[in-house]
Amino acid sequence: MSIDIGIVIVNWNTRDLLRDCLKSLQAGDPTVTRRVIVVDNASSDGSVEMVRDEFPAVEAVANPTNGGFSQANNIGLRMLGFTDKREKPGESANLPRYALLLNPDTVVPPDGLRKMIERMDADPKLGAAGPRLIMLDGNLDLACRRSFPTPEVMMWRVLGLSKLFPKSKLFGRYNMTYLDEHVETEVDCVVGAFMMVRREAVQQAGLLDELFWMYGEDIDWAYRIKQAGWKILYYPTVTVLHVKRAASRQNPRTKFEFERAGWLFYRKHYANSTPKPLHWIVLLGMVLRGGLPLWKEIRLNSAPSPTPTQA
């Protein structure tokens, strides 16, 4: 019989926050059957040893190098039995009913997993869902409910109109800032800090795209999940604490990867269908934000291409 949920936590030098996250899962509703896997991206702070010493029921994988967020999550998803679309599929009976990508800098309430599962069980058309994420200052983590970054949506962000008019349904679409944060709503994507995905949706969409080293992989996954015909839900009945950027602020590479992720997503999903004038405006906006390193990336990889984890 399948367990309810397989949880993959990718960690990099956030040992103490990871401990708090695992404690919160340990204190969760025992009626929810689970398997927890921590994939550690070559931390130097003793994270793996801490997990093995203090949480023997948790599986800890010591990645010898930091191959990025997508690659590490795929290691965990494969351990749970999930495969890429081009690989031999795992036996459904042995797969968890749900997969959860969870950041180590989160704290999940005791009833959080149960409530998320109950809500997704209630609507078989839901392919993925995420809770309300609150940061340490009490403010909403805006990334927990988003629209896809289409050329038009991103143009409003580049021009600053999304900040000037956050309550506008036109300009505030990306982070959906025109909506009350306590209102349940169908969205384009939730955030990889807490992204619960139905087993069948993973099987249809495939694994994460490893071209995204960090950032953007959750949006791309959501895009493919929706392409497969599933709905995605923002479910604020459950509130999860998210410290946010606990690992990324330690790594100078992440700023470039944030901008690069926007370019990769655009190139993969929109570049071919965007009218040339708007296409050049989009590229100009990206280069203004990402500078010379991103311009070099764009020049080297200007043509859309298939990705390694999706046929």
C-alpha atoms as a PDB file:
ATOM      1  CA  MET A   1       0.000   0.000   0.000  1.00  0.00           C
ATOM      2  CA  SER A   2       1.306   3.451  -0.913  1.00  0.00           C
ATOM      3  CA  ILE A   3       2.381   5.856   1.790  1.00  0.00           C
ATOM      4  CA  ASP A   4       0.593   9.200   1.831  1.00  0.00           C
ATOM      5  CA  ILE A   5       3.517  11.484   1.103  1.00  0.00           C
ATOM      6  CA  GLY A   6       7.168  11.408   0.135  1.00  0.00           C
ATOM      7  CA  ILE A   7       9.033  14.515   1.280  1.00  0.00           C
ATOM      8  CA  VAL A   8      12.257  15.723  -0.349  1.00  0.00           C
ATOM      9  CA  ILE A   9      14.283  18.394   1.450  1.00  0.00           C
ATOM     10  CA  VAL A  10      17.318  19.874  -0.320  1.00  0.00           C
ATOM     11  CA  ASN A  11      19.813  21.316   2.143  1.00  0.00           C
ATOM     12  CA  TRP A  12      22.952  23.422   1.868  1.00  0.00           C
ATOM     13  CA  ASN A  13      24.585  24.720   5.048  1.00  0.00           C
ATOM     14  CA  THR A  14      21.360  25.330   6.973  1.00  0.00           C
ATOM     15  CA  ARG A  15      21.839  22.696   9.683  1.00  0.00           C
ATOM     16  CA  ASP A  16      20.012  24.445  12.525  1.00  0.00           C
ATOM     17  CA  LEU A  17      17.044  25.449  10.375  1.00  0.00           C
ATOM     18  CA  LEU A  18      16.920  21.927   8.937  1.00  0.00           C
ATOM     19  CA  ARG A  19      16.746  20.567  12.489  1.00  0.00           C
ATOM     20  CA  ASP A  20      13.729  22.797  13.227  1.00  0.00           C
ATOM     21  CA  CYS A  21      12.076  21.711   9.974  1.00  0.00           C
ATOM     22  CA  LEU A  22      12.556  18.020  10.740  1.00  0.00           C
ATOM     23  CA  LYS A  23      11.291  18.505  14.289  1.00  0.00           C
ATOM     24  CA  SER A  24       8.121  20.096  12.910  1.00  0.00           C
ATOM     25  CA  LEU A  25       7.592  17.101  10.608  1.00  0.00           C
ATOM     26  CA  GLN A  26       8.302  14.724  13.492  1.00  0.00           C
ATOM     27  CA  ALA A  27       5.571  16.457  15.523  1.00  0.00           C
ATOM     28  CA  GLY A  28       3.084  16.137  12.674  1.00  0.00           C
ATOM     29  CA  ASP A  29      -0.109  14.106  12.629  1.00  0.00           C
ATOM     30  CA  PRO A  30       0.996  10.443  12.966  1.00  0.00           C
ATOM     31  CA  THR A  31      -1.928   9.250  10.850  1.00  0.00           C
ATOM     32  CA  VAL A  32      -0.177  10.701   7.781  1.00  0.00           C
ATOM     33  CA  THR A  33       2.241   8.061   6.529  1.00  0.00           C
ATOM     34  CA  ARG A  34       5.426   9.564   5.121  1.00  0.00           C
ATOM     35  CA  ARG A  35       8.952   9.042   3.927  1.00  0.00           C
ATOM     36  CA  VAL A  36      11.400  11.909   4.452  1.00  0.00           C
ATOM     37  CA  ILE A  37      14.571  12.249   2.385  1.00  0.00           C
ATOM     38  CA  VAL A  38      17.182  14.965   2.923  1.00  0.00           C
ATOM     39  CA  VAL A  39      19.511  15.513  -0.025  1.00  0.00           C
ATOM     40  CA  ASP A  40      22.472  17.538   1.161  1.00  0.00           C
ATOM     41  CA  ASN A  41      24.421  19.514  -1.445  1.00  0.00           C
ATOM     42  CA  ALA A  42      27.934  19.150  -0.013  1.00  0.00           C
ATOM     43  CA  SER A  43      27.355  21.189   3.156  1.00  0.00           C
ATOM     44  CA  SER A  44      30.301  22.017   5.376  1.00  0.00           C
ATOM     45  CA  ASP A  45      28.310  22.609   8.570  1.00  0.00           C
ATOM     46  CA  GLY A  46      27.682  19.016   9.658  1.00  0.00           C
ATOM     47  CA  SER A  47      24.126  18.872   8.338  1.00  0.00           C
ATOM     48  CA  VAL A  48      24.314  15.249   7.232  1.00  0.00           C
ATOM     49  CA  GLU A  49      25.800  14.096  10.525  1.00  0.00           C
ATOM     50  CA  MET A  50      23.094  15.978  12.426  1.00  0.00           C
ATOM     51  CA  VAL A  51      20.325  14.262  10.462  1.00  0.00           C
ATOM     52  CA  ARG A  52      21.834  10.815  10.905  1.00  0.00           C
ATOM     53  CA  ASP A  53      22.443  11.339  14.639  1.00  0.00           C
ATOM     54  CA  GLU A  54      19.191  13.024  15.606  1.00  0.00           C
ATOM     55  CA  PHE A  55      16.639  11.766  13.051  1.00  0.00           C
ATOM     56  CA  PRO A  56      17.388   8.099  12.312  1.00  0.00           C
ATOM     57  CA  ALA A  57      14.066   7.643  10.504  1.00  0.00           C
ATOM     58  CA  VAL A  58      15.045  10.297   7.942  1.00  0.00           C
ATOM     59  CA  GLU A  59      17.124   9.227   4.950  1.00  0.00           C
ATOM     60  CA  ALA A  60      20.132  11.489   4.433  1.00  0.00           C
ATOM     61  CA  VAL A  61      21.929  11.603   1.094  1.00  0.00           C
ATOM     62  CA  ALA A  62      25.346  13.275   1.001  1.00  0.00           C
ATOM     63  CA  ASN A  63      25.672  14.774  -2.478  1.00  0.00           C
ATOM     64  CA  PRO A  64      29.455  15.078  -3.136  1.00  0.00           C
ATOM     65  CA  THR A  65      28.989  18.355  -5.047  1.00  0.00           C
ATOM     66  CA  ASN A  66      26.408  21.118  -5.129  1.00  0.00           C
ATOM     67  CA  GLY A  67      24.668  20.317  -8.377  1.00  0.00           C
ATOM     68  CA  GLY A  68      21.833  22.726  -7.722  1.00  0.00           C
ATOM     69  CA  PHE A  69      18.283  22.601  -6.403  1.00  0.00           C
ATOM     70  CA  SER A  70      16.693  20.757  -9.332  1.00  0.00           C
ATOM     71  CA  GLN A  71      19.299  18.045  -9.510  1.00  0.00           C
ATOM     72  CA  ALA A  72      19.147  17.382  -5.765  1.00  0.00           C
ATOM     73  CA  ASN A  73      15.355  17.247  -5.749  1.00  0.00           C
ATOM     74  CA  ASN A  74      15.435  14.796  -8.643  1.00  0.00           C
ATOM     75  CA  ILE A  75      17.753  12.547  -6.622  1.00  0.00           C
ATOM     76  CA  GLY A  76      15.132  12.480  -3.873  1.00  0.00           C
ATOM     77  CA  LEU A  77      12.219  12.004  -6.258  1.00  0.00           C
ATOM     78  CA  ARG A  78      13.984   9.070  -7.909  1.00  0.00           C
ATOM     79  CA  MET A  79      14.583   7.527  -4.483  1.00  0.00           C
ATOM     80  CA  LEU A  80      10.815   7.728  -3.951  1.00  0.00           C
ATOM     81  CA  GLY A  81      10.356   5.821  -7.223  1.00  0.00           C
ATOM     82  CA  PHE A  82       9.467   8.659  -9.586  1.00  0.00           C
ATOM     83  CA  THR A  83      11.092   8.780 -12.992  1.00  0.00           C
ATOM     84  CA  ASP A  84      11.445  11.157 -15.887  1.00  0.00           C
ATOM     85  CA  LYS A  85       8.999  10.748 -18.743  1.00  0.00           C
ATOM     86  CA  ARG A  86      11.684   9.210 -20.959  1.00  0.00           C
ATOM     87  CA  GLU A  87      12.611   6.631 -18.329  1.00  0.00           C
ATOM     88  CA  LYS A  88      10.808   3.435 -17.394  1.00  0.00           C
ATOM     89  CA  PRO A  89       7.972   4.514 -15.061  1.00  0.00           C
ATOM     90  CA  GLY A  90       7.929   3.326 -11.496  1.00  0.00           C
ATOM     91  CA  GLU A  91       5.187   1.049 -10.252  1.00  0.00           C
ATOM     92  CA  SER A  92       2.326   3.291  -9.149  1.00  0.00           C
ATOM     93  CA  ALA A  93       1.454   0.991  -6.271  1.00  0.00           C
ATOM     94  CA  ASN A  94       4.869   1.640  -4.726  1.00  0.00           C
ATOM     95  CA  LEU A  95       4.902   5.404  -5.198  1.00  0.00           C
ATOM     96  CA  PRO A  96       3.734   7.872  -2.530  1.00  0.00           C
ATOM     97  CA  ARG A  97       0.325   9.321  -3.288  1.00  0.00           C
ATOM     98  CA  TYR A  98       1.906  12.777  -3.086  1.00  0.00           C
ATOM     99  CA  ALA A  99       5.404  14.182  -3.448  1.00  0.00           C
ATOM    100  CA  LEU A 100       6.387  17.254  -1.453  1.00  0.00           C
ATOM    101  CA  LEU A 101       9.295  19.553  -2.194  1.00  0.00           C
ATOM    102  CA  LEU A 102      10.085  21.251   1.109  1.00  0.00           C
ATOM    103  CA  ASN A 103      12.744  23.798   2.009  1.00  0.00           C
ATOM    104  CA  PRO A 104      14.834  23.228   5.144  1.00  0.00           C
ATOM    105  CA  ASP A 105      14.057  26.776   6.296  1.00  0.00           C
ATOM    106  CA  THR A 106      10.368  26.004   6.822  1.00  0.00           C
ATOM    107  CA  VAL A 107       8.361  24.991   9.872  1.00  0.00           C
ATOM    108  CA  VAL A 108       5.230  22.969   9.144  1.00  0.00           C
ATOM    109  CA  PRO A 109       2.328  23.051  11.640  1.00  0.00           C
ATOM    110  CA  PRO A 110       1.342  19.704  13.203  1.00  0.00           C
ATOM    111  CA  ASP A 111      -1.832  19.402  11.131  1.00  0.00           C
ATOM    112  CA  GLY A 112      -0.307  20.943   7.982  1.00  0.00           C
ATOM    113  CA  LEU A 113       0.384  17.787   5.999  1.00  0.00           C
ATOM    114  CA  ARG A 114      -2.957  16.231   6.898  1.00  0.00           C
ATOM    115  CA  LYS A 115      -4.924  19.317   5.857  1.00  0.00           C
ATOM    116  CA  MET A 116      -3.015  19.669   2.586  1.00  0.00           C
ATOM    117  CA  ILE A 117      -3.645  16.023   1.744  1.00  0.00           C
ATOM    118  CA  GLU A 118      -7.319  16.220   2.688  1.00  0.00           C
ATOM    119  CA  ARG A 119      -7.798  19.252   0.419  1.00  0.00           C
ATOM    120  CA  MET A 120      -6.100  17.585  -2.527  1.00  0.00           C
ATOM    121  CA  ASP A 121      -7.955  14.331  -1.925  1.00  0.00           C
ATOM    122  CA  ALA A 122     -11.206  16.301  -2.095  1.00  0.00           C
ATOM    123  CA  ASP A 123     -10.514  17.453  -5.671  1.00  0.00           C
ATOM    124  CA  PRO A 124      -8.990  14.827  -7.959  1.00  0.00           C
ATOM    125  CA  LYS A 125      -8.305  17.499 -10.594  1.00  0.00           C
ATOM    126  CA  LEU A 126      -5.731  19.182  -8.370  1.00  0.00           C
ATOM    127  CA  GLY A 127      -2.253  18.307  -9.570  1.00  0.00           C
ATOM    128  CA  ALA A 128      -0.336  20.510  -7.136  1.00  0.00           C
ATOM    129  CA  ALA A 129      -0.918  22.805  -4.199  1.00  0.00           C
ATOM    130  CA  GLY A 130       0.908  25.032  -1.777  1.00  0.00           C
ATOM    131  CA  PRO A 131       0.035  26.702   1.546  1.00  0.00           C
ATOM    132  CA  ARG A 132       0.226  30.280   2.749  1.00  0.00           C
ATOM    133  CA  LEU A 133       3.891  30.994   3.499  1.00  0.00           C
ATOM    134  CA  ILE A 134       4.696  33.593   6.130  1.00  0.00           C
ATOM    135  CA  MET A 135       8.160  35.046   6.686  1.00  0.00           C
ATOM    136  CA  LEU A 136       9.756  35.862  10.048  1.00  0.00           C
ATOM    137  CA  ASP A 137       8.430  39.436   9.930  1.00  0.00           C
ATOM    138  CA  GLY A 138       4.877  38.148   9.537  1.00  0.00           C
ATOM    139  CA  ASN A 139       4.550  39.236   5.925  1.00  0.00           C
ATOM    140  CA  LEU A 140       3.353  36.969   3.157  1.00  0.00           C
ATOM    141  CA  ASP A 141       6.033  35.328   1.040  1.00  0.00           C
ATOM    142  CA  LEU A 142       4.694  36.636  -2.264  1.00  0.00           C
ATOM    143  CA  ALA A 143       6.176  33.717  -4.198  1.00  0.00           C
ATOM    144  CA  CYS A 144       3.678  31.277  -2.680  1.00  0.00           C
ATOM    145  CA  ARG A 145       1.028  32.199  -5.274  1.00  0.00           C
ATOM    146  CA  ARG A 146       1.957  33.351  -8.764  1.00  0.00           C
ATOM    147  CA  SER A 147       0.914  33.721 -12.348  1.00  0.00           C
ATOM    148  CA  PHE A 148       3.232  32.545 -15.084  1.00  0.00           C
ATOM    149  CA  PRO A 149       5.806  35.188 -16.073  1.00  0.00           C
ATOM    150  CA  THR A 150       4.511  35.812 -19.575  1.00  0.00           C
ATOM    151  CA  PRO A 151       6.214  38.573 -21.590  1.00  0.00           C
ATOM    152  CA  GLU A 152       3.376  40.962 -20.739  1.00  0.00           C
ATOM    153  CA  VAL A 153       3.411  40.128 -17.026  1.00  0.00           C
ATOM    154  CA  MET A 154       7.170  40.560 -16.846  1.00  0.00           C
ATOM    155  CA  MET A 155       7.001  43.831 -18.751  1.00  0.00           C
ATOM    156  CA  TRP A 156       4.831  45.316 -15.978  1.00  0.00           C
ATOM    157  CA  ARG A 157       7.413  44.140 -13.429  1.00  0.00           C
ATOM    158  CA  VAL A 158      10.365  45.579 -15.362  1.00  0.00           C
ATOM    159  CA  LEU A 159       8.555  48.896 -15.707  1.00  0.00           C
ATOM    160  CA  GLY A 160       7.830  48.940 -11.971  1.00  0.00           C
ATOM    161  CA  LEU A 161       4.070  49.094 -12.461  1.00  0.00           C
ATOM    162  CA  SER A 162       3.484  45.963 -10.380  1.00  0.00           C
ATOM    163  CA  LYS A 163       4.962  47.758  -7.353  1.00  0.00           C
ATOM    164  CA  LEU A 164       3.225  51.047  -8.071  1.00  0.00           C
ATOM    165  CA  PHE A 165      -0.180  49.408  -8.507  1.00  0.00           C
ATOM    166  CA  PRO A 166      -0.116  46.149  -6.503  1.00  0.00           C
ATOM    167  CA  LYS A 167      -3.920  46.030  -6.239  1.00  0.00           C
ATOM    168  CA  SER A 168      -4.360  46.192 -10.011  1.00  0.00           C
ATOM    169  CA  LYS A 169      -5.529  42.951 -11.637  1.00  0.00           C
ATOM    170  CA  LEU A 170      -3.550  43.972 -14.708  1.00  0.00           C
ATOM    171  CA  PHE A 171      -0.262  45.068 -13.185  1.00  0.00           C
ATOM    172  CA  GLY A 172      -0.254  42.885 -10.056  1.00  0.00           C
ATOM    173  CA  ARG A 173      -0.783  39.561 -11.765  1.00  0.00           C
ATOM    174  CA  TYR A 174       2.588  37.919 -11.170  1.00  0.00           C
ATOM    175  CA  ASN A 175       2.356  37.771  -7.367  1.00  0.00           C
ATOM    176  CA  MET A 176      -1.418  38.167  -7.412  1.00  0.00           C
ATOM    177  CA  THR A 177      -1.114  41.057  -4.953  1.00  0.00           C
ATOM    178  CA  TYR A 178      -4.679  42.146  -5.730  1.00  0.00           C
ATOM    179  CA  LEU A 179      -6.012  39.101  -3.838  1.00  0.00           C
ATOM    180  CA  ASP A 180      -6.550  38.732  -0.100  1.00  0.00           C
ATOM    181  CA  GLU A 181      -3.838  36.361   1.166  1.00  0.00           C
ATOM    182  CA  HIS A 182      -6.426  34.377   3.141  1.00  0.00           C
ATOM    183  CA  VAL A 183      -8.543  33.511   0.070  1.00  0.00           C
ATOM    184  CA  GLU A 184      -8.148  30.094  -1.489  1.00  0.00           C
ATOM    185  CA  THR A 185      -7.645  30.388  -5.224  1.00  0.00           C
ATOM    186  CA  GLU A 186      -6.525  28.485  -8.278  1.00  0.00           C
ATOM    187  CA  VAL A 187      -3.153  29.798  -9.462  1.00  0.00           C
ATOM    188  CA  ASP A 188      -0.589  29.135 -12.155  1.00  0.00           C
ATOM    189  CA  CYS A 189       2.119  28.080  -9.727  1.00  0.00           C
ATOM    190  CA  VAL A 190       3.133  27.797  -6.103  1.00  0.00           C
ATOM    191  CA  VAL A 191       6.686  27.892  -4.780  1.00  0.00           C
ATOM    192  CA  GLY A 192       9.192  25.050  -4.453  1.00  0.00           C
ATOM    193  CA  ALA A 193       9.704  25.890  -0.765  1.00  0.00           C
ATOM    194  CA  PHE A 194       6.494  23.890  -0.217  1.00  0.00           C
ATOM    195  CA  MET A 195       5.107  22.327  -3.362  1.00  0.00           C
ATOM    196  CA  MET A 196       2.886  19.266  -2.994  1.00  0.00           C
ATOM    197  CA  VAL A 197       2.292  17.341  -6.221  1.00  0.00           C
ATOM    198  CA  ARG A 198      -0.047  14.450  -6.904  1.00  0.00           C
ATOM    199  CA  ARG A 199       1.642  11.194  -7.921  1.00  0.00           C
ATOM    200  CA  GLU A 200      -0.105  11.056 -11.291  1.00  0.00           C
ATOM    201  CA  ALA A 201       0.858  14.660 -12.068  1.00  0.00           C
ATOM    202  CA  VAL A 202       4.531  13.881 -11.444  1.00  0.00           C
ATOM    203  CA  GLN A 203       4.270  10.845 -13.692  1.00  0.00           C
ATOM    204  CA  GLN A 204       2.776  12.922 -16.513  1.00  0.00           C
ATOM    205  CA  ALA A 205       4.923  16.043 -16.178  1.00  0.00           C
ATOM    206  CA  GLY A 206       8.222  14.307 -15.439  1.00  0.00           C
ATOM    207  CA  LEU A 207      10.920  15.450 -13.038  1.00  0.00           C
ATOM    208  CA  LEU A 208      12.409  18.910 -12.535  1.00  0.00           C
ATOM    209  CA  ASP A 209      14.374  20.459 -15.388  1.00  0.00           C
ATOM    210  CA  GLU A 210      18.020  20.462 -14.328  1.00  0.00           C
ATOM    211  CA  LEU A 211      18.895  23.352 -16.645  1.00  0.00           C
ATOM    212  CA  PHE A 212      17.514  25.463 -13.801  1.00  0.00           C
ATOM    213  CA  TRP A 213      20.314  25.389 -11.221  1.00  0.00           C
ATOM    214  CA  MET A 214      18.272  27.357  -8.716  1.00  0.00           C
ATOM    215  CA  TYR A 215      15.069  29.382  -9.150  1.00  0.00           C
ATOM    216  CA  GLY A 216      12.514  28.912 -11.914  1.00  0.00           C
ATOM    217  CA  GLU A 217      12.404  25.137 -11.696  1.00  0.00           C
ATOM    218  CA  ASP A 218       9.180  25.249  -9.685  1.00  0.00           C
ATOM    219  CA  ILE A 219       7.504  27.566 -12.218  1.00  0.00           C
ATOM    220  CA  ASP A 220       8.616  25.349 -15.076  1.00  0.00           C
ATOM    221  CA  TRP A 221       7.316  22.248 -13.266  1.00  0.00           C
ATOM    222  CA  ALA A 222       3.997  23.955 -12.619  1.00  0.00           C
ATOM    223  CA  TYR A 223       3.798  24.973 -16.276  1.00  0.00           C
ATOM    224  CA  ARG A 224       4.223  21.355 -17.370  1.00  0.00           C
ATOM    225  CA  ILE A 225       1.772  20.120 -14.746  1.00  0.00           C
ATOM    226  CA  LYS A 226      -0.862  22.528 -16.047  1.00  0.00           C
ATOM    227  CA  GLN A 227      -0.050  21.577 -19.634  1.00  0.00           C
ATOM    228  CA  ALA A 228      -0.911  18.015 -18.637  1.00  0.00           C
ATOM    229  CA  GLY A 229      -4.386  19.221 -17.650  1.00  0.00           C
ATOM    230  CA  TRP A 230      -4.081  19.582 -13.863  1.00  0.00           C
ATOM    231  CA  LYS A 231      -5.132  22.482 -11.620  1.00  0.00           C
ATOM    232  CA  ILE A 232      -2.850  24.147  -9.069  1.00  0.00           C
ATOM    233  CA  LEU A 233      -4.185  25.526  -5.796  1.00  0.00           C
ATOM    234  CA  TYR A 234      -3.071  28.159  -3.286  1.00  0.00           C
ATOM    235  CA  TYR A 235      -4.454  26.854   0.019  1.00  0.00           C
ATOM    236  CA  PRO A 236      -4.146  29.442   2.825  1.00  0.00           C
ATOM    237  CA  THR A 237      -5.994  27.291   5.372  1.00  0.00           C
ATOM    238  CA  VAL A 238      -2.515  25.921   6.082  1.00  0.00           C
ATOM    239  CA  THR A 239       0.161  28.441   7.100  1.00  0.00           C
ATOM    240  CA  VAL A 240       3.850  27.510   7.023  1.00  0.00           C
ATOM    241  CA  LEU A 241       6.736  29.594   8.358  1.00  0.00           C
ATOM    242  CA  HIS A 242       9.410  30.303   5.750  1.00  0.00           C
ATOM    243  CA  VAL A 243      12.677  31.943   6.792  1.00  0.00           C
ATOM    244  CA  LYS A 244      13.468  32.478   3.077  1.00  0.00           C
ATOM    245  CA  ARG A 245      16.876  32.720   1.417  1.00  0.00           C
ATOM    246  CA  ALA A 246      18.587  31.023   4.357  1.00  0.00           C
ATOM    247  CA  ALA A 247      20.864  29.161   1.962  1.00  0.00           C
ATOM    248  CA  SER A 248      20.810  31.387  -1.110  1.00  0.00           C
ATOM    249  CA  ARG A 249      22.098  34.470   0.705  1.00  0.00           C
ATOM    250  CA  GLN A 250      25.284  32.519   1.475  1.00  0.00           C
ATOM    251  CA  ASN A 251      26.073  31.826  -2.178  1.00  0.00           C
ATOM    252  CA  PRO A 252      27.064  34.686  -4.529  1.00  0.00           C
ATOM    253  CA  ARG A 253      26.039  32.589  -7.528  1.00  0.00           C
ATOM    254  CA  THR A 254      22.350  32.828  -6.687  1.00  0.00           C
ATOM    255  CA  LYS A 255      21.852  36.413  -7.923  1.00  0.00           C
ATOM    256  CA  PHE A 256      22.974  35.442 -11.412  1.00  0.00           C
ATOM    257  CA  GLU A 257      20.958  32.215 -11.291  1.00  0.00           C
ATOM    258  CA  PHE A 258      17.829  34.181 -10.396  1.00  0.00           C
ATOM    259  CA  GLU A 259      18.153  36.275 -13.554  1.00  0.00           C
ATOM    260  CA  ARG A 260      19.264  33.290 -15.635  1.00  0.00           C
ATOM    261  CA  ALA A 261      16.167  31.345 -14.552  1.00  0.00           C
ATOM    262  CA  GLY A 262      13.927  34.046 -15.998  1.00  0.00           C
ATOM    263  CA  TRP A 263      15.764  33.825 -19.296  1.00  0.00           C
ATOM    264  CA  LEU A 264      15.611  30.008 -19.360  1.00  0.00           C
ATOM    265  CA  PHE A 265      11.873  29.964 -18.691  1.00  0.00           C
ATOM    266  CA  TYR A 266      11.208  32.596 -21.334  1.00  0.00           C
ATOM    267  CA  ARG A 267      13.409  30.835 -23.899  1.00  0.00           C
ATOM    268  CA  LYS A 268      11.756  27.488 -23.216  1.00  0.00           C
ATOM    269  CA  HIS A 269       8.102  28.504 -23.185  1.00  0.00           C
ATOM    270  CA  TYR A 270       7.583  31.918 -24.806  1.00  0.00           C
ATOM    271  CA  ALA A 271      10.439  32.991 -27.087  1.00  0.00           C
ATOM    272  CA  ASN A 272       9.131  31.209 -30.183  1.00  0.00           C
ATOM    273  CA  SER A 273       5.648  32.715 -29.919  1.00  0.00           C
ATOM    274  CA  THR A 274       6.531  36.270 -28.844  1.00  0.00           C
ATOM    275  CA  PRO A 275       6.300  38.986 -31.552  1.00  0.00           C
ATOM    276  CA  LYS A 276       9.748  40.313 -32.421  1.00  0.00           C
ATOM    277  CA  PRO A 277       9.259  43.880 -31.085  1.00  0.00           C
ATOM    278  CA  LEU A 278       8.098  42.543 -27.707  1.00  0.00           C
ATOM    279  CA  HIS A 279      10.809  39.875 -27.785  1.00  0.00           C
ATOM    280  CA  TRP A 280      13.540  42.533 -27.995  1.00  0.00           C
ATOM    281  CA  ILE A 281      11.895  44.553 -25.221  1.00  0.00           C
ATOM    282  CA  VAL A 282      11.869  41.436 -23.022  1.00  0.00           C
ATOM    283  CA  LEU A 283      15.548  40.747 -23.745  1.00  0.00           C
ATOM    284  CA  LEU A 284      16.470  44.361 -23.043  1.00  0.00           C
ATOM    285  CA  GLY A 285      14.693  44.257 -19.697  1.00  0.00           C
ATOM    286  CA  MET A 286      16.442  41.011 -18.776  1.00  0.00           C
ATOM    287  CA  VAL A 287      19.879  42.347 -19.701  1.00  0.00           C
ATOM    288  CA  LEU A 288      19.292  45.555 -17.747  1.00  0.00           C
ATOM    289  CA  ARG A 289      18.569  43.425 -14.680  1.00  0.00           C
ATOM    290  CA  GLY A 290      21.143  40.678 -15.254  1.00  0.00           C
ATOM    291  CA  GLY A 291      23.977  42.709 -16.712  1.00  0.00           C
ATOM    292  CA  LEU A 292      26.861  41.445 -18.810  1.00  0.00           C
ATOM    293  CA  PRO A 293      26.880  37.869 -17.414  1.00  0.00           C
ATOM    294  CA  LEU A 294      23.273  37.347 -18.511  1.00  0.00           C
ATOM    295  CA  TRP A 295      23.937  38.964 -21.886  1.00  0.00           C
ATOM    296  CA  LYS A 296      26.724  36.428 -22.447  1.00  0.00           C
ATOM    297  CA  GLU A 297      24.352  33.637 -21.455  1.00  0.00           C
ATOM    298  CA  ILE A 298      21.710  34.883 -23.890  1.00  0.00           C
ATOM    299  CA  ARG A 299      24.199  35.185 -26.737  1.00  0.00           C
ATOM    300  CA  LEU A 300      25.526  31.672 -26.163  1.00  0.00           C
ATOM    301  CA  ASN A 301      22.091  30.067 -25.803  1.00  0.00           C
ATOM    302  CA  SER A 302      19.720  32.133 -27.900  1.00  0.00           C
ATOM    303  CA  ALA A 303      17.849  29.267 -29.596  1.00  0.00           C
ATOM    304  CA  PRO A 304      15.131  27.302 -27.770  1.00  0.00           C
ATOM    305  CA  SER A 305      16.249  23.746 -27.133  1.00  0.00           C
ATOM    306  CA  PRO A 306      14.979  20.557 -25.464  1.00  0.00           C
ATOM    307  CA  THR A 307      15.934  20.073 -21.849  1.00  0.00           C
ATOM    308  CA  PRO A 308      17.663  17.099 -20.255  1.00  0.00           C
ATOM    309  CA  THR A 309      14.740  16.092 -18.085  1.00  0.00           C
ATOM    310  CA  GLN A 310      11.864  16.534 -20.501  1.00  0.00           C
ATOM    311  CA  ALA A 311      11.471  15.066 -23.985  1.00  0.00           C
END
